[in-house]
Amino acid sequence: MSDISLGYTYWQDEEMWLGHLDEYPDYMTQGETMDELKENLIDIYKDLTEGHIPAVRHHAELVVA
């Protein structure tokens, strides 16, 4: 399996780090450390792309001429 690079948005709220994958902003996760947050983001990516979460919302770009 080749490496995949994913954009993500994160922030700190008191003691916890929160974030979501930019492609899937509806699916947030958290961690006590940045490393834990990153691990959780990888886990949620796997769940989203392997069909473990039903009715996944996707993000796309629409070009309007």
PDB file of N, CA and C in Angstrom:
ATOM      1  N   MET A   1       0.853  -1.191   0.000  1.00  0.00           N
ATOM      2  CA  MET A   1       0.000   0.000   0.000  1.00  0.00           C
ATOM      3  C   MET A   1       0.890   1.242   0.000  1.00  0.00           C
ATOM      4  N   SER A   2       0.619   2.156  -0.903  1.00  0.00           N
ATOM      5  CA  SER A   2       1.416   3.380  -0.980  1.00  0.00           C
ATOM      6  C   SER A   2       0.892   4.421   0.008  1.00  0.00           C
ATOM      7  N   ASP A   3       1.754   5.349   0.343  1.00  0.00           N
ATOM      8  CA  ASP A   3       1.371   6.408   1.278  1.00  0.00           C
ATOM      9  C   ASP A   3       0.348   7.333   0.628  1.00  0.00           C
ATOM     10  N   ILE A   4      -0.585   7.796   1.428  1.00  0.00           N
ATOM     11  CA  ILE A   4      -1.596   8.750   0.997  1.00  0.00           C
ATOM     12  C   ILE A   4      -1.442   9.982   1.865  1.00  0.00           C
ATOM     13  N   SER A   5      -1.499  11.148   1.258  1.00  0.00           N
ATOM     14  CA  SER A   5      -1.418  12.401   1.996  1.00  0.00           C
ATOM     15  C   SER A   5      -2.820  13.002   2.079  1.00  0.00           C
ATOM     16  N   LEU A   6      -3.269  13.286   3.300  1.00  0.00           N
ATOM     17  CA  LEU A   6      -4.609  13.828   3.522  1.00  0.00           C
ATOM     18  C   LEU A   6      -4.522  15.155   4.261  1.00  0.00           C
ATOM     19  N   GLY A   7      -5.301  16.125   3.821  1.00  0.00           N
ATOM     20  CA  GLY A   7      -5.392  17.379   4.555  1.00  0.00           C
ATOM     21  C   GLY A   7      -6.318  17.214   5.746  1.00  0.00           C
ATOM     22  N   TYR A   8      -6.002  17.893   6.837  1.00  0.00           N
ATOM     23  CA  TYR A   8      -6.892  17.867   8.001  1.00  0.00           C
ATOM     24  C   TYR A   8      -6.850  19.207   8.706  1.00  0.00           C
ATOM     25  N   THR A   9      -7.924  19.481   9.394  1.00  0.00           N
ATOM     26  CA  THR A   9      -8.076  20.708  10.167  1.00  0.00           C
ATOM     27  C   THR A   9      -8.101  20.312  11.638  1.00  0.00           C
ATOM     28  N   TYR A  10      -7.372  21.038  12.482  1.00  0.00           N
ATOM     29  CA  TYR A  10      -7.327  20.688  13.899  1.00  0.00           C
ATOM     30  C   TYR A  10      -7.271  21.944  14.755  1.00  0.00           C
ATOM     31  N   TRP A  11      -7.640  21.783  16.012  1.00  0.00           N
ATOM     32  CA  TRP A  11      -7.572  22.861  16.982  1.00  0.00           C
ATOM     33  C   TRP A  11      -7.549  22.263  18.378  1.00  0.00           C
ATOM     34  N   GLN A  12      -7.114  23.070  19.333  1.00  0.00           N
ATOM     35  CA  GLN A  12      -7.080  22.627  20.727  1.00  0.00           C
ATOM     36  C   GLN A  12      -8.214  23.281  21.476  1.00  0.00           C
ATOM     37  N   ASP A  13      -8.940  22.468  22.227  1.00  0.00           N
ATOM     38  CA  ASP A  13     -10.040  22.945  23.067  1.00  0.00           C
ATOM     39  C   ASP A  13      -9.746  22.466  24.481  1.00  0.00           C
ATOM     40  N   GLU A  14      -9.227  23.382  25.284  1.00  0.00           N
ATOM     41  CA  GLU A  14      -8.759  23.069  26.630  1.00  0.00           C
ATOM     42  C   GLU A  14      -7.711  21.965  26.563  1.00  0.00           C
ATOM     43  N   GLU A  15      -7.981  20.783  27.109  1.00  0.00           N
ATOM     44  CA  GLU A  15      -6.981  19.712  27.177  1.00  0.00           C
ATOM     45  C   GLU A  15      -6.978  18.810  25.946  1.00  0.00           C
ATOM     46  N   MET A  16      -7.988  18.890  25.093  1.00  0.00           N
ATOM     47  CA  MET A  16      -8.130  17.954  23.976  1.00  0.00           C
ATOM     48  C   MET A  16      -7.780  18.604  22.634  1.00  0.00           C
ATOM     49  N   TRP A  17      -7.263  17.786  21.716  1.00  0.00           N
ATOM     50  CA  TRP A  17      -7.049  18.174  20.336  1.00  0.00           C
ATOM     51  C   TRP A  17      -8.199  17.606  19.528  1.00  0.00           C
ATOM     52  N   LEU A  18      -8.866  18.449  18.743  1.00  0.00           N
ATOM     53  CA  LEU A  18      -9.988  18.033  17.915  1.00  0.00           C
ATOM     54  C   LEU A  18      -9.636  18.251  16.458  1.00  0.00           C
ATOM     55  N   GLY A  19     -10.248  17.470  15.585  1.00  0.00           N
ATOM     56  CA  GLY A  19      -9.963  17.664  14.179  1.00  0.00           C
ATOM     57  C   GLY A  19     -10.849  16.826  13.284  1.00  0.00           C
ATOM     58  N   HIS A  20     -10.739  17.099  11.981  1.00  0.00           N
ATOM     59  CA  HIS A  20     -11.452  16.329  10.965  1.00  0.00           C
ATOM     60  C   HIS A  20     -10.635  16.334   9.688  1.00  0.00           C
ATOM     61  N   LEU A  21     -10.851  15.342   8.863  1.00  0.00           N
ATOM     62  CA  LEU A  21     -10.228  15.300   7.551  1.00  0.00           C
ATOM     63  C   LEU A  21     -10.912  16.326   6.670  1.00  0.00           C
ATOM     64  N   ASP A  22     -10.149  17.094   5.903  1.00  0.00           N
ATOM     65  CA  ASP A  22     -10.748  18.149   5.084  1.00  0.00           C
ATOM     66  C   ASP A  22     -11.756  17.591   4.085  1.00  0.00           C
ATOM     67  N   GLU A  23     -11.506  16.397   3.575  1.00  0.00           N
ATOM     68  CA  GLU A  23     -12.418  15.773   2.616  1.00  0.00           C
ATOM     69  C   GLU A  23     -13.715  15.294   3.270  1.00  0.00           C
ATOM     70  N   TYR A  24     -13.680  15.089   4.595  1.00  0.00           N
ATOM     71  CA  TYR A  24     -14.838  14.574   5.337  1.00  0.00           C
ATOM     72  C   TYR A  24     -15.082  15.437   6.578  1.00  0.00           C
ATOM     73  N   PRO A  25     -15.494  16.687   6.415  1.00  0.00           N
ATOM     74  CA  PRO A  25     -15.607  17.588   7.567  1.00  0.00           C
ATOM     75  C   PRO A  25     -16.713  17.225   8.559  1.00  0.00           C
ATOM     76  N   ASP A  26     -17.636  16.357   8.160  1.00  0.00           N
ATOM     77  CA  ASP A  26     -18.722  15.982   9.066  1.00  0.00           C
ATOM     78  C   ASP A  26     -18.298  14.966  10.123  1.00  0.00           C
ATOM     79  N   TYR A  27     -17.104  14.412   9.984  1.00  0.00           N
ATOM     80  CA  TYR A  27     -16.684  13.313  10.854  1.00  0.00           C
ATOM     81  C   TYR A  27     -15.485  13.752  11.692  1.00  0.00           C
ATOM     82  N   MET A  28     -15.773  14.293  12.874  1.00  0.00           N
ATOM     83  CA  MET A  28     -14.727  14.801  13.764  1.00  0.00           C
ATOM     84  C   MET A  28     -14.236  13.702  14.696  1.00  0.00           C
ATOM     85  N   THR A  29     -13.008  13.887  15.170  1.00  0.00           N
ATOM     86  CA  THR A  29     -12.455  12.998  16.171  1.00  0.00           C
ATOM     87  C   THR A  29     -11.600  13.833  17.123  1.00  0.00           C
ATOM     88  N   GLN A  30     -11.039  13.206  18.141  1.00  0.00           N
ATOM     89  CA  GLN A  30     -10.260  13.944  19.132  1.00  0.00           C
ATOM     90  C   GLN A  30      -9.150  13.074  19.682  1.00  0.00           C
ATOM     91  N   GLY A  31      -8.234  13.707  20.398  1.00  0.00           N
ATOM     92  CA  GLY A  31      -7.152  13.001  21.068  1.00  0.00           C
ATOM     93  C   GLY A  31      -6.595  13.856  22.181  1.00  0.00           C
ATOM     94  N   GLU A  32      -5.993  13.198  23.154  1.00  0.00           N
ATOM     95  CA  GLU A  32      -5.377  13.934  24.252  1.00  0.00           C
ATOM     96  C   GLU A  32      -4.062  14.567  23.820  1.00  0.00           C
ATOM     97  N   THR A  33      -3.432  14.019  22.764  1.00  0.00           N
ATOM     98  CA  THR A  33      -2.200  14.562  22.197  1.00  0.00           C
ATOM     99  C   THR A  33      -2.387  14.681  20.687  1.00  0.00           C
ATOM    100  N   MET A  34      -1.480  15.416  20.032  1.00  0.00           N
ATOM    101  CA  MET A  34      -1.533  15.511  18.570  1.00  0.00           C
ATOM    102  C   MET A  34      -1.300  14.146  17.935  1.00  0.00           C
ATOM    103  N   ASP A  35      -0.398  13.358  18.500  1.00  0.00           N
ATOM    104  CA  ASP A  35      -0.148  12.029  17.951  1.00  0.00           C
ATOM    105  C   ASP A  35      -1.400  11.154  18.025  1.00  0.00           C
ATOM    106  N   GLU A  36      -2.116  11.223  19.150  1.00  0.00           N
ATOM    107  CA  GLU A  36      -3.350  10.448  19.286  1.00  0.00           C
ATOM    108  C   GLU A  36      -4.408  10.951  18.308  1.00  0.00           C
ATOM    109  N   LEU A  37      -4.497  12.264  18.133  1.00  0.00           N
ATOM    110  CA  LEU A  37      -5.439  12.817  17.165  1.00  0.00           C
ATOM    111  C   LEU A  37      -5.124  12.290  15.765  1.00  0.00           C
ATOM    112  N   LYS A  38      -3.862  12.300  15.375  1.00  0.00           N
ATOM    113  CA  LYS A  38      -3.465  11.809  14.052  1.00  0.00           C
ATOM    114  C   LYS A  38      -3.813  10.335  13.882  1.00  0.00           C
ATOM    115  N   GLU A  39      -3.565   9.532  14.909  1.00  0.00           N
ATOM    116  CA  GLU A  39      -3.927   8.112  14.856  1.00  0.00           C
ATOM    117  C   GLU A  39      -5.435   7.953  14.669  1.00  0.00           C
ATOM    118  N   ASN A  40      -6.216   8.747  15.391  1.00  0.00           N
ATOM    119  CA  ASN A  40      -7.673   8.673  15.286  1.00  0.00           C
ATOM    120  C   ASN A  40      -8.155   9.141  13.913  1.00  0.00           C
ATOM    121  N   LEU A  41      -7.484  10.137  13.334  1.00  0.00           N
ATOM    122  CA  LEU A  41      -7.838  10.582  11.986  1.00  0.00           C
ATOM    123  C   LEU A  41      -7.571   9.478  10.963  1.00  0.00           C
ATOM    124  N   ILE A  42      -6.475   8.759  11.121  1.00  0.00           N
ATOM    125  CA  ILE A  42      -6.173   7.634  10.230  1.00  0.00           C
ATOM    126  C   ILE A  42      -7.236   6.549  10.389  1.00  0.00           C
ATOM    127  N   ASP A  43      -7.607   6.252  11.625  1.00  0.00           N
ATOM    128  CA  ASP A  43      -8.645   5.240  11.866  1.00  0.00           C
ATOM    129  C   ASP A  43      -9.971   5.631  11.229  1.00  0.00           C
ATOM    130  N   ILE A  44     -10.375   6.887  11.380  1.00  0.00           N
ATOM    131  CA  ILE A  44     -11.651   7.310  10.814  1.00  0.00           C
ATOM    132  C   ILE A  44     -11.587   7.301   9.286  1.00  0.00           C
ATOM    133  N   TYR A  45     -10.424   7.627   8.709  1.00  0.00           N
ATOM    134  CA  TYR A  45     -10.267   7.546   7.255  1.00  0.00           C
ATOM    135  C   TYR A  45     -10.488   6.107   6.778  1.00  0.00           C
ATOM    136  N   LYS A  46      -9.870   5.158   7.470  1.00  0.00           N
ATOM    137  CA  LYS A  46     -10.046   3.752   7.112  1.00  0.00           C
ATOM    138  C   LYS A  46     -11.511   3.346   7.220  1.00  0.00           C
ATOM    139  N   ASP A  47     -12.177   3.743   8.305  1.00  0.00           N
ATOM    140  CA  ASP A  47     -13.601   3.416   8.472  1.00  0.00           C
ATOM    141  C   ASP A  47     -14.444   4.021   7.355  1.00  0.00           C
ATOM    142  N   LEU A  48     -14.159   5.258   6.987  1.00  0.00           N
ATOM    143  CA  LEU A  48     -14.928   5.939   5.947  1.00  0.00           C
ATOM    144  C   LEU A  48     -14.718   5.310   4.574  1.00  0.00           C
ATOM    145  N   THR A  49     -13.500   4.936   4.255  1.00  0.00           N
ATOM    146  CA  THR A  49     -13.196   4.444   2.916  1.00  0.00           C
ATOM    147  C   THR A  49     -13.411   2.939   2.759  1.00  0.00           C
ATOM    148  N   GLU A  50     -13.524   2.217   3.868  1.00  0.00           N
ATOM    149  CA  GLU A  50     -13.738   0.771   3.793  1.00  0.00           C
ATOM    150  C   GLU A  50     -15.198   0.392   3.971  1.00  0.00           C
ATOM    151  N   GLY A  51     -16.093   1.382   4.024  1.00  0.00           N
ATOM    152  CA  GLY A  51     -17.520   1.097   4.090  1.00  0.00           C
ATOM    153  C   GLY A  51     -18.066   0.762   5.458  1.00  0.00           C
ATOM    154  N   HIS A  52     -17.305   1.050   6.512  1.00  0.00           N
ATOM    155  CA  HIS A  52     -17.769   0.748   7.867  1.00  0.00           C
ATOM    156  C   HIS A  52     -18.750   1.801   8.399  1.00  0.00           C
ATOM    157  N   ILE A  53     -18.804   2.941   7.743  1.00  0.00           N
ATOM    158  CA  ILE A  53     -19.728   4.008   8.136  1.00  0.00           C
ATOM    159  C   ILE A  53     -20.709   4.193   6.982  1.00  0.00           C
ATOM    160  N   PRO A  54     -22.010   4.002   7.240  1.00  0.00           N
ATOM    161  CA  PRO A  54     -22.998   4.118   6.159  1.00  0.00           C
ATOM    162  C   PRO A  54     -23.270   5.573   5.775  1.00  0.00           C
ATOM    163  N   ALA A  55     -23.702   5.775   4.543  1.00  0.00           N
ATOM    164  CA  ALA A  55     -24.143   7.087   4.040  1.00  0.00           C
ATOM    165  C   ALA A  55     -23.093   8.173   4.256  1.00  0.00           C
ATOM    166  N   VAL A  56     -21.862   7.898   3.848  1.00  0.00           N
ATOM    167  CA  VAL A  56     -20.766   8.859   4.007  1.00  0.00           C
ATOM    168  C   VAL A  56     -21.004  10.058   3.102  1.00  0.00           C
ATOM    169  N   ARG A  57     -20.892  11.232   3.667  1.00  0.00           N
ATOM    170  CA  ARG A  57     -20.989  12.472   2.889  1.00  0.00           C
ATOM    171  C   ARG A  57     -19.623  12.782   2.307  1.00  0.00           C
ATOM    172  N   HIS A  58     -19.602  13.162   1.035  1.00  0.00           N
ATOM    173  CA  HIS A  58     -18.345  13.455   0.345  1.00  0.00           C
ATOM    174  C   HIS A  58     -18.271  14.933   0.001  1.00  0.00           C
ATOM    175  N   HIS A  59     -17.056  15.419  -0.199  1.00  0.00           N
ATOM    176  CA  HIS A  59     -16.790  16.790  -0.584  1.00  0.00           C
ATOM    177  C   HIS A  59     -16.238  16.771  -2.005  1.00  0.00           C
ATOM    178  N   ALA A  60     -16.705  17.676  -2.845  1.00  0.00           N
ATOM    179  CA  ALA A  60     -16.215  17.757  -4.226  1.00  0.00           C
ATOM    180  C   ALA A  60     -16.214  19.205  -4.669  1.00  0.00           C
ATOM    181  N   GLU A  61     -15.567  19.471  -5.787  1.00  0.00           N
ATOM    182  CA  GLU A  61     -15.536  20.803  -6.400  1.00  0.00           C
ATOM    183  C   GLU A  61     -16.426  20.796  -7.635  1.00  0.00           C
ATOM    184  N   LEU A  62     -17.189  21.823  -7.816  1.00  0.00           N
ATOM    185  CA  LEU A  62     -18.055  21.965  -8.984  1.00  0.00           C
ATOM    186  C   LEU A  62     -17.578  23.167  -9.780  1.00  0.00           C
ATOM    187  N   VAL A  63     -17.301  22.955 -11.063  1.00  0.00           N
ATOM    188  CA  VAL A  63     -16.867  24.043 -11.949  1.00  0.00           C
ATOM    189  C   VAL A  63     -18.092  24.561 -12.685  1.00  0.00           C
ATOM    190  N   VAL A  64     -18.344  25.852 -12.539  1.00  0.00           N
ATOM    191  CA  VAL A  64     -19.483  26.480 -13.200  1.00  0.00           C
ATOM    192  C   VAL A  64     -18.917  27.436 -14.250  1.00  0.00           C
ATOM    193  N   ALA A  65     -19.320  27.205 -15.469  1.00  0.00           N
ATOM    194  CA  ALA A  65     -18.799  28.027 -16.580  1.00  0.00           C
ATOM    195  C   ALA A  65     -19.598  29.303 -16.724  1.00  0.00           C
TER     196      ALA A  65
END
